[in-house]
Amino acid sequence: MAGENSLTPAGDIAGGHTVRRYDQELAKLRGIILDMGQRVIEQTQAAVAAVVDGEETQAYRVLDREPQIDFLSLDADEEIFRVIARRQPTAVDLRIVLALSRIAGDVERAGDKAVRIARQSLVLRESGIGPGGIPSDALKELLRRLDDHACCMFERSIQAVAGFDVELALGVFEDEPRLFDASDEARDFLGQEDLAGFTPRQIVCLLTSAHALERIGNHASNIAEQVIYVSEGKDIRYRNREILIETLRRDRAS
């Protein structure tokens, strides 16, 4: 596991300068991803404020800042190509590079979901919902709760990437039931046949926003899977979460 912790290419142990450059390249790549992740969290919170509280300026701010995440995503791609071309990583090192590539993709797509929410807020504004936001305190609370769960999961997944921390990754998985419950509650509220105060178009916008928040949480789970892939050498996609958490915790305790 020494190669995994130090993030150095196994074939370059004797070449100190080469090893340090490789570590610096990986550190730069992870730094880009962490920067992207923090921006996505800020974008998501601003977009939800635009929907829930009718803060139109927040929506435009999200749209204005979208290119920043896109440019960082391109930077991450360039770094990945550069590392592969220069180092031709194999085994553990290839696993690290592939995982970081997948993580960067999930972070970028989560940013796209924040933009989708911001755009829905502008449609809501056009459809007659005023500066005070959606006219239902109950729905506001449901969407805020969903936002809290999605952002908490996403922030934890990004923190896990910083140190390929398995415990933080498992914490993301343990938060999934709360995310799904919050998403179901929001959908159930919006699916009421006798729901008053909303037009069909507005309900569609709000459902789209709720779904986008759930997807941000899903991206957090994808990122956590890649953290475990690097740290444990196990591809855990499509594995039962409860069994997975129990197994990994037992293995780490033994």
Protein backbone atom coordinates (compact mmCIF):
# COMPACT_ATOMS: atom_id res chain seq x y z
CA MET A 1 0.00 0.00 0.00
CA ALA A 2 3.01 2.29 0.17
CA GLY A 3 2.65 3.23 -3.46
CA GLU A 4 -0.97 4.16 -2.91
CA ASN A 5 -0.29 6.40 0.06
CA SER A 6 2.63 8.23 -1.48
CA LEU A 7 1.03 8.39 -4.94
CA THR A 8 4.39 7.69 -6.58
CA PRO A 9 4.94 5.53 -9.66
CA ALA A 10 6.32 2.13 -8.69
CA GLY A 11 8.86 2.15 -11.50
CA ASP A 12 10.35 5.50 -10.52
CA ILE A 13 11.33 4.86 -6.90
CA ALA A 14 15.03 5.20 -7.76
CA GLY A 15 14.58 8.45 -9.65
CA GLY A 16 13.93 10.98 -6.91
CA HIS A 17 13.42 13.94 -9.19
CA THR A 18 11.01 12.00 -11.39
CA VAL A 19 9.03 10.85 -8.37
CA ARG A 20 8.74 14.38 -7.02
CA ARG A 21 7.57 15.71 -10.37
CA TYR A 22 4.97 12.97 -10.59
CA ASP A 23 3.72 13.78 -7.11
CA GLN A 24 3.56 17.45 -8.04
CA GLU A 25 1.55 16.67 -11.17
CA LEU A 26 -0.95 14.58 -9.20
CA ALA A 27 -1.14 17.23 -6.50
CA LYS A 28 -1.89 19.85 -9.15
CA LEU A 29 -4.61 17.65 -10.64
CA ARG A 30 -6.21 17.04 -7.26
CA GLY A 31 -6.00 20.75 -6.50
CA ILE A 32 -7.96 21.53 -9.65
CA ILE A 33 -10.62 18.99 -8.69
CA LEU A 34 -10.90 20.34 -5.14
CA ASP A 35 -11.30 23.86 -6.52
CA MET A 36 -14.02 22.66 -8.87
CA GLY A 37 -15.78 20.89 -6.02
CA GLN A 38 -15.88 23.93 -3.78
CA ARG A 39 -17.26 26.02 -6.63
CA VAL A 40 -19.98 23.44 -7.29
CA ILE A 41 -21.12 23.62 -3.67
CA GLU A 42 -21.31 27.41 -3.86
CA GLN A 43 -23.16 27.21 -7.17
CA THR A 44 -25.69 24.74 -5.79
CA GLN A 45 -26.44 26.81 -2.70
CA ALA A 46 -26.88 29.96 -4.80
CA ALA A 47 -29.14 28.17 -7.28
CA VAL A 48 -31.38 26.81 -4.52
CA ALA A 49 -31.62 30.29 -2.97
CA ALA A 50 -32.77 31.53 -6.38
CA VAL A 51 -35.54 28.90 -6.50
CA VAL A 52 -36.67 28.90 -2.89
CA ASP A 53 -36.35 32.58 -2.02
CA GLY A 54 -36.72 34.10 -5.48
CA GLU A 55 -33.23 35.67 -5.42
CA GLU A 56 -32.94 36.36 -9.12
CA THR A 57 -29.43 37.83 -8.82
CA GLN A 58 -28.22 34.51 -7.44
CA ALA A 59 -29.48 32.72 -10.53
CA TYR A 60 -27.60 35.07 -12.85
CA ARG A 61 -24.52 34.74 -10.68
CA VAL A 62 -24.63 30.96 -11.11
CA LEU A 63 -24.93 31.31 -14.87
CA ASP A 64 -22.11 33.85 -15.01
CA ARG A 65 -19.78 31.60 -13.01
CA GLU A 66 -20.52 28.41 -14.94
CA PRO A 67 -17.60 28.90 -17.39
CA GLN A 68 -15.15 28.92 -14.48
CA ILE A 69 -15.98 25.30 -13.68
CA ASP A 70 -15.92 24.38 -17.37
CA PHE A 71 -12.43 25.86 -17.75
CA LEU A 72 -11.21 24.01 -14.66
CA SER A 73 -12.63 20.80 -16.13
CA LEU A 74 -10.60 21.39 -19.29
CA ASP A 75 -7.53 22.04 -17.14
CA ALA A 76 -8.11 18.73 -15.35
CA ASP A 77 -8.37 16.91 -18.69
CA GLU A 78 -5.10 18.48 -19.83
CA GLU A 79 -3.33 17.42 -16.64
CA ILE A 80 -4.64 13.87 -16.98
CA PHE A 81 -3.45 13.63 -20.60
CA ARG A 82 -0.09 15.08 -19.59
CA VAL A 83 0.41 12.61 -16.75
CA ILE A 84 -0.49 9.64 -18.96
CA ALA A 85 1.76 10.81 -21.81
CA ARG A 86 4.76 11.60 -19.61
CA ARG A 87 4.57 8.86 -16.99
CA GLN A 88 2.71 6.03 -18.74
CA PRO A 89 1.37 4.91 -15.35
CA THR A 90 0.60 1.28 -14.63
CA ALA A 91 -1.03 -0.70 -11.81
CA VAL A 92 -1.68 1.47 -8.73
CA ASP A 93 -0.65 4.67 -10.48
CA LEU A 94 -2.95 4.07 -13.43
CA ARG A 95 -5.78 3.41 -10.97
CA ILE A 96 -5.15 6.81 -9.36
CA VAL A 97 -5.15 8.66 -12.67
CA LEU A 98 -8.28 6.90 -13.94
CA ALA A 99 -10.10 7.58 -10.68
CA LEU A 100 -9.20 11.27 -10.75
CA SER A 101 -10.42 11.47 -14.33
CA ARG A 102 -13.78 9.97 -13.36
CA ILE A 103 -14.01 12.23 -10.30
CA ALA A 104 -13.38 15.33 -12.41
CA GLY A 105 -16.20 14.25 -14.72
CA ASP A 106 -18.64 13.80 -11.86
CA VAL A 107 -17.73 17.17 -10.36
CA GLU A 108 -18.27 18.90 -13.71
CA ARG A 109 -21.65 17.21 -14.19
CA ALA A 110 -22.71 18.20 -10.67
CA GLY A 111 -21.93 21.78 -11.64
CA ASP A 112 -24.22 21.37 -14.64
CA LYS A 113 -27.04 20.36 -12.27
CA ALA A 114 -26.58 23.58 -10.29
CA VAL A 115 -26.93 25.55 -13.52
CA ARG A 116 -30.08 23.60 -14.35
CA ILE A 117 -31.58 24.61 -11.01
CA ALA A 118 -30.68 28.26 -11.59
CA ARG A 119 -32.38 28.19 -14.98
CA GLN A 120 -35.51 26.71 -13.44
CA SER A 121 -35.63 29.64 -11.01
CA LEU A 122 -35.71 32.07 -13.92
CA VAL A 123 -38.56 30.13 -15.53
CA LEU A 124 -40.42 30.26 -12.22
CA ARG A 125 -39.93 34.01 -12.13
CA GLU A 126 -41.27 34.35 -15.67
CA SER A 127 -44.29 32.20 -14.76
CA GLY A 128 -45.40 34.57 -12.02
CA ILE A 129 -43.57 33.59 -8.84
CA GLY A 130 -42.42 36.84 -7.30
CA PRO A 131 -39.32 38.00 -5.40
CA GLY A 132 -40.41 36.22 -2.22
CA GLY A 133 -39.89 32.85 -3.84
CA ILE A 134 -42.21 29.86 -3.97
CA PRO A 135 -45.49 30.49 -2.09
CA SER A 136 -45.28 27.53 0.27
CA ASP A 137 -43.28 27.44 3.47
CA ALA A 138 -43.64 23.66 3.61
CA LEU A 139 -42.15 23.23 0.15
CA LYS A 140 -39.39 25.70 0.91
CA GLU A 141 -38.42 23.61 3.93
CA LEU A 142 -38.47 20.38 1.90
CA LEU A 143 -36.22 21.82 -0.81
CA ARG A 144 -33.84 23.34 1.73
CA ARG A 145 -33.58 19.97 3.46
CA LEU A 146 -32.85 18.25 0.15
CA ASP A 147 -30.26 20.92 -0.64
CA ASP A 148 -28.61 20.41 2.76
CA HIS A 149 -28.31 16.65 2.24
CA ALA A 150 -27.01 16.96 -1.33
CA CYS A 151 -24.43 19.64 -0.46
CA CYS A 152 -23.32 17.81 2.69
CA MET A 153 -22.72 14.62 0.71
CA PHE A 154 -20.93 16.46 -2.05
CA GLU A 155 -18.70 18.40 0.32
CA ARG A 156 -17.81 15.22 2.18
CA SER A 157 -16.96 13.43 -1.06
CA ILE A 158 -14.62 16.27 -2.08
CA GLN A 159 -12.96 16.17 1.33
CA ALA A 160 -12.49 12.44 0.83
CA VAL A 161 -10.68 13.09 -2.45
CA ALA A 162 -8.21 15.40 -0.70
CA GLY A 163 -6.72 12.46 1.20
CA PHE A 164 -8.39 9.46 -0.45
CA ASP A 165 -10.11 9.03 2.91
CA VAL A 166 -12.19 5.84 3.11
CA GLU A 167 -14.04 6.89 6.28
CA LEU A 168 -15.29 10.07 4.64
CA ALA A 169 -16.30 8.09 1.56
CA LEU A 170 -18.27 5.64 3.69
CA GLY A 171 -19.94 8.61 5.36
CA VAL A 172 -21.22 9.66 1.94
CA PHE A 173 -22.80 6.24 1.45
CA GLU A 174 -24.38 6.39 4.90
CA ASP A 175 -26.03 9.71 3.96
CA GLU A 176 -27.74 8.27 0.88
CA PRO A 177 -30.96 7.14 2.63
CA ARG A 178 -31.52 10.65 4.00
CA LEU A 179 -31.00 12.12 0.53
CA PHE A 180 -33.49 9.70 -1.02
CA ASP A 181 -36.04 10.31 1.74
CA ALA A 182 -35.79 14.08 1.29
CA SER A 183 -36.13 13.72 -2.48
CA ASP A 184 -39.19 11.46 -2.12
CA GLU A 185 -40.84 13.93 0.27
CA ALA A 186 -40.35 16.81 -2.15
CA ARG A 187 -41.72 14.77 -5.07
CA ASP A 188 -44.68 13.54 -3.04
CA PHE A 189 -45.53 17.12 -2.05
CA LEU A 190 -45.36 18.32 -5.65
CA GLY A 191 -47.32 15.28 -6.88
CA GLN A 192 -50.46 16.05 -4.86
CA GLU A 193 -53.53 16.15 -7.07
CA ASP A 194 -55.05 18.99 -5.07
CA LEU A 195 -51.86 21.07 -4.79
CA ALA A 196 -52.94 24.70 -4.82
CA GLY A 197 -50.99 27.81 -5.71
CA PHE A 198 -48.88 26.35 -8.54
CA THR A 199 -49.36 26.03 -12.27
CA PRO A 200 -48.37 22.80 -14.05
CA ARG A 201 -45.37 24.59 -15.55
CA GLN A 202 -44.20 25.69 -12.11
CA ILE A 203 -44.57 22.18 -10.71
CA VAL A 204 -42.44 20.81 -13.55
CA CYS A 205 -39.74 23.39 -12.79
CA LEU A 206 -39.75 22.50 -9.11
CA LEU A 207 -39.66 18.77 -9.81
CA THR A 208 -36.73 19.34 -12.16
CA SER A 209 -34.91 21.27 -9.44
CA ALA A 210 -35.54 18.54 -6.85
CA HIS A 211 -34.32 15.88 -9.24
CA ALA A 212 -31.17 17.90 -9.98
CA LEU A 213 -30.41 18.10 -6.26
CA GLU A 214 -30.80 14.35 -5.91
CA ARG A 215 -28.45 13.87 -8.85
CA ILE A 216 -25.82 16.07 -7.16
CA GLY A 217 -25.98 13.65 -4.23
CA ASN A 218 -25.62 10.77 -6.69
CA HIS A 219 -22.49 12.39 -8.12
CA ALA A 220 -21.12 12.60 -4.57
CA SER A 221 -21.64 8.85 -4.22
CA ASN A 222 -19.87 8.23 -7.53
CA ILE A 223 -16.92 10.27 -6.27
CA ALA A 224 -16.86 8.32 -3.00
CA GLU A 225 -16.76 5.06 -5.01
CA GLN A 226 -13.63 6.26 -6.79
CA VAL A 227 -11.99 7.20 -3.49
CA ILE A 228 -12.45 3.62 -2.30
CA TYR A 229 -11.27 2.32 -5.68
CA VAL A 230 -7.96 4.15 -5.15
CA SER A 231 -7.57 3.42 -1.45
CA GLU A 232 -8.73 -0.19 -1.35
CA GLY A 233 -8.16 -1.34 -4.93
CA LYS A 234 -11.79 -2.46 -5.18
CA ASP A 235 -14.35 -1.49 -7.80
CA ILE A 236 -17.46 -1.21 -5.64
CA ARG A 237 -19.88 0.14 -8.20
CA TYR A 238 -23.24 -1.65 -8.17
CA ARG A 239 -22.49 -3.25 -4.78
CA ASN A 240 -25.14 -3.34 -2.05
CA ARG A 241 -24.42 -0.31 0.12
CA GLU A 242 -25.28 -1.79 3.51
CA ILE A 243 -23.17 -4.88 2.95
CA LEU A 244 -20.36 -2.78 1.50
CA ILE A 245 -20.22 -0.42 4.47
CA GLU A 246 -20.29 -3.30 6.94
CA THR A 247 -17.58 -5.22 5.05
CA LEU A 248 -15.20 -2.29 4.66
CA ARG A 249 -15.58 -1.21 8.27
CA ARG A 250 -14.95 -4.77 9.46
CA ASP A 251 -11.89 -5.13 7.20
CA ARG A 252 -10.44 -1.83 8.38
CA ALA A 253 -10.99 -2.74 12.03
CA SER A 254 -9.26 -6.12 11.74
